């Protein structure tokens, strides 16, 4: 490979595995820090907010400078983009309801995006760094808010997150018709290989994807069922 040819993305190569491991370690470490020393919470939340906001601004600035600032980039109507906005809001205004939705969107959507990213280039291209920086920070923010700060999902949280996902899809679908976009990949699958390739042709993969999302949300709610039993006086 010549020096001017950017390295292609290698799924589960050293750089990919390193980005995933760093996200896991940061999530565990910062959530544990906030839980053990609550006085560090404002500093951790502020740092995460600034880092996430800086990366969002970087993407918008680069896309404007290079001439590809389109509605597809500007509007946060992909699930992961909506999770980024929700993370920014919840880091500033930590409340259980938005933290609950953020947990399911990040743990399901952002995680899947990081496991099977729609990326042509690998490390050290800026696209690689920004992609994993943005998605990783969303996951870290969710971990800090839910496990560090204690804003854990309430009973029925999986269903509420699923309804929020359907509402987002409805808005995305309307915008797709108006602006000829492809938010949430409702009109076509992404060019890169993703789990949507296993879910059949259009529009079957949309229904299958919704069912998979609901199943993932229910699985992600399992760790919190003990909280409900304890609240009801169980063991």
Protein backbone atom coordinates (compact mmCIF):
# COMPACT_ATOMS: atom_id res chain seq x y z
CA UNK A 1 0.00 0.00 0.00
CA UNK A 2 1.44 3.37 -1.03
CA UNK A 3 1.95 6.14 1.52
CA UNK A 4 -0.84 8.27 0.00
CA UNK A 5 -3.48 5.55 0.11
CA UNK A 6 -5.48 5.67 3.37
CA UNK A 7 -5.76 2.36 5.22
CA UNK A 8 -9.14 0.64 4.82
CA UNK A 9 -11.21 -0.12 7.88
CA UNK A 10 -10.45 -3.58 9.25
CA UNK A 11 -13.30 -5.05 11.27
CA UNK A 12 -12.05 -6.25 14.66
CA UNK A 13 -8.49 -5.42 13.75
CA UNK A 14 -6.11 -3.92 16.29
CA UNK A 15 -7.45 -0.36 15.92
CA UNK A 16 -11.11 -1.44 16.00
CA UNK A 17 -10.60 -3.70 19.01
CA UNK A 18 -8.62 -0.96 20.74
CA UNK A 19 -11.40 1.58 20.25
CA UNK A 20 -13.97 -0.85 21.66
CA UNK A 21 -11.77 -1.72 24.64
CA UNK A 22 -11.07 1.94 25.40
CA UNK A 23 -14.81 2.67 25.40
CA UNK A 24 -15.50 -0.19 27.81
CA UNK A 25 -12.69 0.84 30.16
CA UNK A 26 -13.73 4.50 30.12
CA UNK A 27 -17.36 3.56 30.81
CA UNK A 28 -16.46 1.33 33.76
CA UNK A 29 -13.81 3.68 35.14
CA UNK A 30 -15.79 6.93 35.00
CA UNK A 31 -19.05 5.35 36.19
CA UNK A 32 -17.14 3.79 39.09
CA UNK A 33 -15.45 7.09 39.90
CA UNK A 34 -18.74 9.00 40.01
CA UNK A 35 -20.37 6.32 42.12
CA UNK A 36 -17.47 6.15 44.61
CA UNK A 37 -16.87 9.91 44.73
CA UNK A 38 -20.08 11.80 43.91
CA UNK A 39 -18.31 15.15 44.16
CA UNK A 40 -16.50 14.32 40.91
CA UNK A 41 -19.80 14.03 39.03
CA UNK A 42 -20.04 17.66 37.81
CA UNK A 43 -16.45 17.52 36.54
CA UNK A 44 -17.00 14.20 34.74
CA UNK A 45 -20.29 15.33 33.23
CA UNK A 46 -18.78 18.64 32.14
CA UNK A 47 -15.77 16.94 30.58
CA UNK A 48 -17.94 14.50 28.65
CA UNK A 49 -20.21 17.32 27.47
CA UNK A 50 -17.30 19.42 26.23
CA UNK A 51 -15.62 16.50 24.48
CA UNK A 52 -18.84 15.39 22.78
CA UNK A 53 -19.82 18.92 21.79
CA UNK A 54 -16.34 19.59 20.41
CA UNK A 55 -16.47 16.51 18.17
CA UNK A 56 -19.96 17.41 16.91
CA UNK A 57 -18.75 20.92 16.07
CA UNK A 58 -15.69 19.47 14.34
CA UNK A 59 -17.86 17.29 12.09
CA UNK A 60 -20.12 20.22 11.20
CA UNK A 61 -17.14 22.50 10.52
CA UNK A 62 -15.30 19.97 8.33
CA UNK A 63 -18.47 19.14 6.39
CA UNK A 64 -19.11 22.87 5.82
CA UNK A 65 -15.52 23.56 4.80
CA UNK A 66 -15.42 20.62 2.38
CA UNK A 67 -18.85 21.28 0.92
CA UNK A 68 -20.82 18.26 2.10
CA UNK A 69 -22.89 19.87 4.85
CA UNK A 70 -26.27 18.45 3.82
CA UNK A 71 -29.50 17.75 5.67
CA UNK A 72 -28.23 14.18 6.11
CA UNK A 73 -25.33 15.54 8.18
CA UNK A 74 -27.11 18.44 9.86
CA UNK A 75 -30.30 16.86 11.19
CA UNK A 76 -29.91 14.40 14.12
CA UNK A 77 -32.45 11.89 12.84
CA UNK A 78 -30.33 8.77 12.75
CA UNK A 79 -30.71 6.87 16.02
CA UNK A 80 -27.07 7.36 16.99
CA UNK A 81 -27.21 11.08 16.17
CA UNK A 82 -30.37 11.48 18.25
CA UNK A 83 -28.57 9.64 21.08
CA UNK A 84 -25.72 12.16 20.83
CA UNK A 85 -28.12 15.08 21.21
CA UNK A 86 -29.88 13.32 24.08
CA UNK A 87 -26.53 12.65 25.77
CA UNK A 88 -25.61 16.34 25.55
CA UNK A 89 -28.96 17.37 27.04
CA UNK A 90 -28.88 14.78 29.81
CA UNK A 91 -25.29 15.56 30.80
CA UNK A 92 -26.42 19.15 31.44
CA UNK A 93 -29.87 18.25 32.80
CA UNK A 94 -29.51 14.81 34.43
CA UNK A 95 -33.01 13.42 34.82
CA UNK A 96 -34.21 9.82 34.89
CA UNK A 97 -36.57 9.98 31.90
CA UNK A 98 -34.03 11.13 29.28
CA UNK A 99 -31.27 9.04 30.88
CA UNK A 100 -33.52 6.00 30.55
CA UNK A 101 -34.01 6.47 26.80
CA UNK A 102 -30.32 7.30 26.37
CA UNK A 103 -29.37 4.03 28.05
CA UNK A 104 -31.36 1.91 25.60
CA UNK A 105 -30.39 3.95 22.53
CA UNK A 106 -26.71 3.94 23.44
CA UNK A 107 -26.45 0.34 24.64
CA UNK A 108 -28.29 -0.98 21.59
CA UNK A 109 -27.80 1.51 18.75
CA UNK A 110 -24.38 2.99 19.50
CA UNK A 111 -22.94 -0.40 20.42
CA UNK A 112 -24.13 -2.00 17.17
CA UNK A 113 -22.79 0.97 15.21
CA UNK A 114 -19.38 0.51 16.82
CA UNK A 115 -19.37 -3.23 16.24
CA UNK A 116 -20.29 -2.88 12.55
CA UNK A 117 -19.41 0.69 11.54
CA UNK A 118 -20.25 2.21 8.17
CA UNK A 119 -16.64 3.32 7.68
CA UNK A 120 -14.46 3.11 4.55
CA UNK A 121 -11.19 4.08 6.26
CA UNK A 122 -9.40 2.92 9.38
CA UNK A 123 -6.98 4.38 11.91
CA UNK A 124 -5.49 7.01 11.86
CA UNK A 125 -7.96 8.68 9.46
CA UNK A 126 -9.97 11.45 11.12
CA UNK A 127 -13.21 9.71 10.11
CA UNK A 128 -12.23 6.69 12.22
CA UNK A 129 -11.24 8.82 15.21
CA UNK A 130 -14.36 11.00 15.11
CA UNK A 131 -16.74 8.06 14.54
CA UNK A 132 -15.49 6.07 17.52
CA UNK A 133 -15.03 9.22 19.58
CA UNK A 134 -18.64 10.29 19.12
CA UNK A 135 -20.23 6.87 19.59
CA UNK A 136 -17.88 5.95 22.41
CA UNK A 137 -18.57 9.17 24.33
CA UNK A 138 -22.32 8.55 24.07
CA UNK A 139 -21.85 5.11 25.60
CA UNK A 140 -19.62 6.50 28.34
CA UNK A 141 -22.15 9.24 29.09
CA UNK A 142 -24.95 6.68 29.37
CA UNK A 143 -22.85 4.54 31.73
CA UNK A 144 -21.98 7.52 33.94
CA UNK A 145 -25.57 8.72 34.15
CA UNK A 146 -27.19 5.32 34.70
CA UNK A 147 -24.62 3.39 36.74
CA UNK A 148 -22.60 6.24 38.22
CA UNK A 149 -25.26 8.82 38.99
CA UNK A 150 -27.95 6.19 39.60
CA UNK A 151 -30.49 7.28 36.97
CA UNK A 152 -31.47 3.68 36.31
CA UNK A 153 -34.34 2.71 34.00
CA UNK A 154 -37.73 2.34 35.66
CA UNK A 155 -40.17 -0.53 35.12
CA UNK A 156 -41.47 -0.31 31.57
CA UNK A 157 -38.41 1.62 30.43
CA UNK A 158 -37.78 -0.71 27.50
CA UNK A 159 -41.26 -0.08 26.13
CA UNK A 160 -40.95 3.68 26.59
CA UNK A 161 -37.62 3.64 24.75
CA UNK A 162 -39.20 1.59 21.97
CA UNK A 163 -42.04 4.09 21.61
CA UNK A 164 -39.46 6.90 21.49
CA UNK A 165 -37.65 4.98 18.75
CA UNK A 166 -40.87 4.61 16.74
CA UNK A 167 -41.60 8.33 17.12
CA UNK A 168 -38.09 9.16 15.91
CA UNK A 169 -38.58 6.80 12.96
CA UNK A 170 -41.88 8.49 12.10
CA UNK A 171 -40.21 11.91 12.06
CA UNK A 172 -37.27 10.54 10.08
CA UNK A 173 -39.62 8.94 7.55
CA UNK A 174 -41.50 12.21 7.01
CA UNK A 175 -38.24 14.12 6.57
CA UNK A 176 -37.00 11.47 4.14
CA UNK A 177 -40.01 12.09 1.93
CA UNK A 178 -39.69 15.87 2.12
CA UNK A 179 -35.91 16.16 1.69
CA UNK A 180 -35.05 12.97 -0.23
CA UNK A 181 -32.81 11.76 2.61
CA UNK A 182 -32.28 8.31 4.11
CA UNK A 183 -32.44 8.86 7.87
CA UNK A 184 -32.50 5.66 9.95
CA UNK A 185 -31.92 3.83 6.64
CA UNK A 186 -35.67 3.67 6.10
CA UNK A 187 -35.34 3.99 2.32
CA UNK A 188 -32.26 1.85 1.68
CA UNK A 189 -29.56 -0.03 3.55
CA UNK A 190 -26.14 1.58 4.11
CA UNK A 191 -23.45 0.84 1.56
CA UNK A 192 -21.18 -0.88 4.08
CA UNK A 193 -21.96 -4.28 5.55
CA UNK A 194 -24.19 -3.96 8.64
CA UNK A 195 -26.58 -6.23 10.58
CA UNK A 196 -29.39 -4.90 8.35
CA UNK A 197 -28.00 -7.12 5.60
CA UNK A 198 -29.20 -10.13 7.59
CA UNK A 199 -32.77 -8.85 7.89
CA UNK A 200 -34.08 -9.25 4.37
CA UNK A 201 -34.88 -6.82 1.58
CA UNK A 202 -36.67 -3.48 1.83
CA UNK A 203 -39.12 -3.01 3.53
CA UNK A 204 -38.84 -6.30 5.41
CA UNK A 205 -35.64 -5.27 7.15
CA UNK A 206 -37.43 -2.28 8.70
CA UNK A 207 -39.98 -4.47 10.48
CA UNK A 208 -37.33 -7.03 11.44
CA UNK A 209 -35.07 -4.25 12.71
CA UNK A 210 -37.89 -2.89 14.87
CA UNK A 211 -38.49 -6.34 16.36
CA UNK A 212 -34.77 -6.79 17.01
CA UNK A 213 -34.62 -3.36 18.69
CA UNK A 214 -37.49 -4.27 21.00
CA UNK A 215 -35.83 -7.57 21.86
CA UNK A 216 -32.54 -5.83 22.62
CA UNK A 217 -34.29 -3.25 24.80
CA UNK A 218 -35.98 -6.00 26.79
CA UNK A 219 -32.65 -7.78 27.29
CA UNK A 220 -31.01 -4.54 28.36
CA UNK A 221 -33.77 -4.03 30.93
CA UNK A 222 -33.07 -7.37 32.63
CA UNK A 223 -30.33 -6.06 34.99
CA UNK A 224 -32.84 -3.63 36.48
CA UNK A 225 -35.63 -6.08 37.26
CA UNK A 226 -34.07 -6.76 40.65
CA UNK A 227 -34.52 -3.06 41.41
CA UNK A 228 -38.24 -3.50 40.81
CA UNK A 229 -38.45 -6.61 43.01
CA UNK A 230 -36.63 -4.83 45.83
CA UNK A 231 -38.98 -1.85 45.52
CA UNK A 232 -41.95 -4.22 45.80
CA UNK A 233 -40.48 -5.91 48.86
CA UNK A 234 -39.10 -8.98 47.14
CA UNK A 235 -35.61 -10.48 47.30
